[in-house]
Amino acid sequence: MGNIKRLNHAVLWVREVAKSVDFYTRVLGFTVIDEIPGGRGAFLRAGGSDNHHDLGLFAVGAQAPGQTRGGVGLYHLAWQVDEISELATLADALKAEGALVGATDHGTSKSLYAKDPDGIEFEIMFLLPAEAWPADTAMNRPLDLQKELATWG
C-alpha cells in the first residue's frame, strides 16, 4: 500500500469553461496553463503552487443540470493559503463576487466557503501551526476573521 502525500489537482465538469476560467483567475488568482480549443477545457495553476496544474475544467454545456445537495458527488474542494491575511483578502473578493456562502472556525483551521459560477462549492482555508491546535479539534463555530487577523496576522 502506498502513502498518498496530497491532492495534486482536481478536475471539474462545468457548464462554460470561459466563465469558470474568468472566475478562478480573476477572483482566486489562478493562472491558465493550457486550454483545449473550442472552449472544451482548460488547466489552471494556483498562485502559490508548484504543480503543473491544480485545476482542470471541462465543458458539459450550458444546459447541464447542477449537483443535488445531499446527493452522491463532490461536496467541496479545499484550497489552503499560507497567511491569514490572504484569507481576509479572498473573503473580500468572494463577497464582492457574491460567491461567499459561509465562514467557519474549525479550531485547527479558519475557513471560507464559496461557490463558483456552476454552484460547485469550495473552501479556502488557513491551517494553524500544529502546536496551536486546540484540544477540541472538531469545532464548527462562526469565524471571527478580524479576531483571527489580530491573532495570526
Protein backbone atom coordinates (compact mmCIF):
# COMPACT_ATOMS: atom_id res chain seq x y z
CA MET A 1 0.00 0.00 0.00
CA GLY A 2 1.33 3.44 -0.95
CA ASN A 3 1.40 6.60 1.11
CA ILE A 4 -0.58 9.36 -0.55
CA LYS A 5 1.07 12.72 0.08
CA ARG A 6 -1.55 15.25 -1.06
CA LEU A 7 -4.13 16.05 -3.70
CA ASN A 8 -2.23 17.13 -6.82
CA HIS A 9 -5.17 18.51 -8.80
CA ALA A 10 -8.93 18.43 -9.18
CA VAL A 11 -10.91 18.22 -12.41
CA LEU A 12 -14.42 19.67 -12.62
CA TRP A 13 -17.21 19.40 -15.14
CA VAL A 14 -18.52 22.94 -15.73
CA ARG A 15 -21.18 24.44 -17.96
CA GLU A 16 -18.97 27.06 -19.64
CA VAL A 17 -15.19 26.85 -19.41
CA ALA A 18 -14.64 30.55 -20.20
CA LYS A 19 -16.97 31.65 -17.39
CA SER A 20 -15.23 29.35 -14.89
CA VAL A 21 -11.76 30.37 -16.08
CA ASP A 22 -12.73 34.01 -15.57
CA PHE A 23 -13.90 33.32 -12.01
CA TYR A 24 -10.91 31.23 -10.92
CA THR A 25 -8.34 33.60 -12.46
CA ARG A 26 -9.94 36.94 -11.55
CA VAL A 27 -11.25 36.09 -8.07
CA LEU A 28 -8.83 33.42 -6.81
CA GLY A 29 -5.67 34.29 -8.74
CA PHE A 30 -5.23 31.09 -10.72
CA THR A 31 -3.23 31.21 -13.97
CA VAL A 32 -4.23 29.47 -17.21
CA ILE A 33 -1.57 26.91 -18.13
CA ASP A 34 -3.23 25.38 -21.18
CA GLU A 35 -6.56 25.47 -22.98
CA ILE A 36 -8.34 22.94 -25.16
CA PRO A 37 -9.58 24.63 -28.37
CA GLY A 38 -13.22 25.47 -28.77
CA GLY A 39 -13.81 26.19 -25.09
CA ARG A 40 -13.82 22.48 -24.30
CA GLY A 41 -11.36 22.63 -21.40
CA ALA A 42 -8.63 24.43 -19.50
CA PHE A 43 -5.89 23.71 -16.98
CA LEU A 44 -5.13 26.26 -14.25
CA ARG A 45 -2.42 26.66 -11.62
CA ALA A 46 -2.92 28.23 -8.20
CA GLY A 47 -0.69 31.23 -7.41
CA GLY A 48 1.49 29.53 -4.80
CA SER A 49 1.61 26.09 -6.40
CA ASP A 50 4.47 24.16 -7.95
CA ASN A 51 2.08 21.69 -9.66
CA HIS A 52 1.76 21.63 -13.43
CA HIS A 53 -1.91 22.38 -12.81
CA ASP A 54 -4.18 22.38 -9.78
CA LEU A 55 -7.50 22.59 -11.54
CA GLY A 56 -8.84 21.13 -14.75
CA LEU A 57 -12.11 22.41 -16.20
CA PHE A 58 -14.09 20.55 -18.86
CA ALA A 59 -17.29 21.76 -20.53
CA VAL A 60 -20.52 19.80 -20.39
CA GLY A 61 -22.76 22.51 -21.87
CA ALA A 62 -24.75 25.49 -20.68
CA GLN A 63 -27.91 23.44 -20.02
CA ALA A 64 -26.26 20.76 -17.86
CA PRO A 65 -28.02 20.16 -14.54
CA GLY A 66 -26.23 21.04 -11.31
CA GLN A 67 -25.41 18.75 -8.42
CA THR A 68 -28.20 17.96 -6.00
CA ARG A 69 -27.36 18.83 -2.39
CA GLY A 70 -27.33 15.65 -0.37
CA GLY A 71 -26.81 13.55 -3.48
CA VAL A 72 -23.76 11.46 -4.22
CA GLY A 73 -20.86 13.50 -5.55
CA LEU A 74 -18.26 16.04 -4.56
CA TYR A 75 -19.15 18.21 -1.55
CA HIS A 76 -16.27 20.69 -1.84
CA LEU A 77 -12.60 21.24 -2.63
CA ALA A 78 -10.31 22.92 -0.09
CA TRP A 79 -7.59 25.35 -1.18
CA GLN A 80 -5.05 26.33 1.50
CA VAL A 81 -3.41 29.74 1.95
CA ASP A 82 -0.24 30.34 3.97
CA GLU A 83 -1.25 33.61 5.66
CA ILE A 84 -4.44 34.68 7.44
CA SER A 85 -4.19 38.00 5.57
CA GLU A 86 -4.63 36.07 2.29
CA LEU A 87 -7.80 34.55 3.72
CA ALA A 88 -9.09 38.04 4.53
CA THR A 89 -8.25 39.33 1.04
CA LEU A 90 -10.07 36.41 -0.54
CA ALA A 91 -13.05 36.91 1.79
CA ASP A 92 -13.42 40.44 0.40
CA ALA A 93 -13.09 39.24 -3.20
CA LEU A 94 -15.60 36.43 -2.71
CA LYS A 95 -18.09 38.76 -1.00
CA ALA A 96 -17.77 41.27 -3.86
CA GLU A 97 -18.46 38.45 -6.32
CA GLY A 98 -21.50 37.25 -4.35
CA ALA A 99 -19.83 33.85 -4.08
CA LEU A 100 -19.17 33.63 -0.32
CA VAL A 101 -21.64 31.27 1.39
CA GLY A 102 -20.05 30.72 4.81
CA ALA A 103 -17.12 31.19 7.17
CA THR A 104 -16.21 28.67 9.88
CA ASP A 105 -13.68 28.33 12.68
CA HIS A 106 -12.77 24.64 12.76
CA GLY A 107 -10.23 25.06 15.55
CA THR A 108 -7.31 23.72 13.53
CA SER A 109 -8.24 25.82 10.53
CA LYS A 110 -10.09 29.01 9.64
CA SER A 111 -12.24 28.53 6.55
CA LEU A 112 -14.27 30.38 3.97
CA TYR A 113 -16.85 28.55 1.87
CA ALA A 114 -17.89 29.80 -1.54
CA LYS A 115 -19.47 28.65 -4.79
CA ASP A 116 -18.14 29.04 -8.31
CA PRO A 117 -20.37 30.07 -11.28
CA ASP A 118 -21.71 26.50 -11.57
CA GLY A 119 -22.55 26.27 -7.87
CA ILE A 120 -19.59 23.98 -7.12
CA GLU A 121 -18.65 24.60 -3.52
CA PHE A 122 -15.06 25.13 -2.43
CA GLU A 123 -13.24 26.03 0.76
CA ILE A 124 -10.35 28.43 1.23
CA MET A 125 -8.57 27.64 4.48
CA PHE A 126 -5.76 28.85 6.71
CA LEU A 127 -4.25 25.99 8.73
CA LEU A 128 -2.92 26.86 12.17
CA PRO A 129 0.52 25.56 13.14
CA ALA A 130 0.09 22.11 14.75
CA GLU A 131 1.36 23.37 18.12
CA ALA A 132 -1.57 25.85 18.20
CA TRP A 133 -4.29 23.27 17.56
CA PRO A 134 -6.90 23.29 20.34
CA ALA A 135 -7.82 20.18 22.32
CA ASP A 136 -11.28 20.34 20.72
CA THR A 137 -10.38 19.79 17.06
CA ALA A 138 -13.96 19.04 15.98
CA MET A 139 -15.36 22.54 16.35
CA ASN A 140 -17.57 24.30 13.86
CA ARG A 141 -18.04 27.85 15.09
CA PRO A 142 -18.69 31.07 13.20
CA LEU A 143 -15.41 32.58 12.02
CA ASP A 144 -14.43 35.93 13.53
CA LEU A 145 -11.96 36.91 10.83
CA GLN A 146 -10.98 40.21 12.46
CA LYS A 147 -10.07 38.38 15.68
CA GLU A 148 -8.06 35.81 13.73
CA LEU A 149 -6.25 38.59 11.82
CA ALA A 150 -5.28 40.17 15.15
CA THR A 151 -4.05 36.80 16.45
CA TRP A 152 -2.30 35.41 13.34
CA GLY A 153 -1.78 38.45 11.10
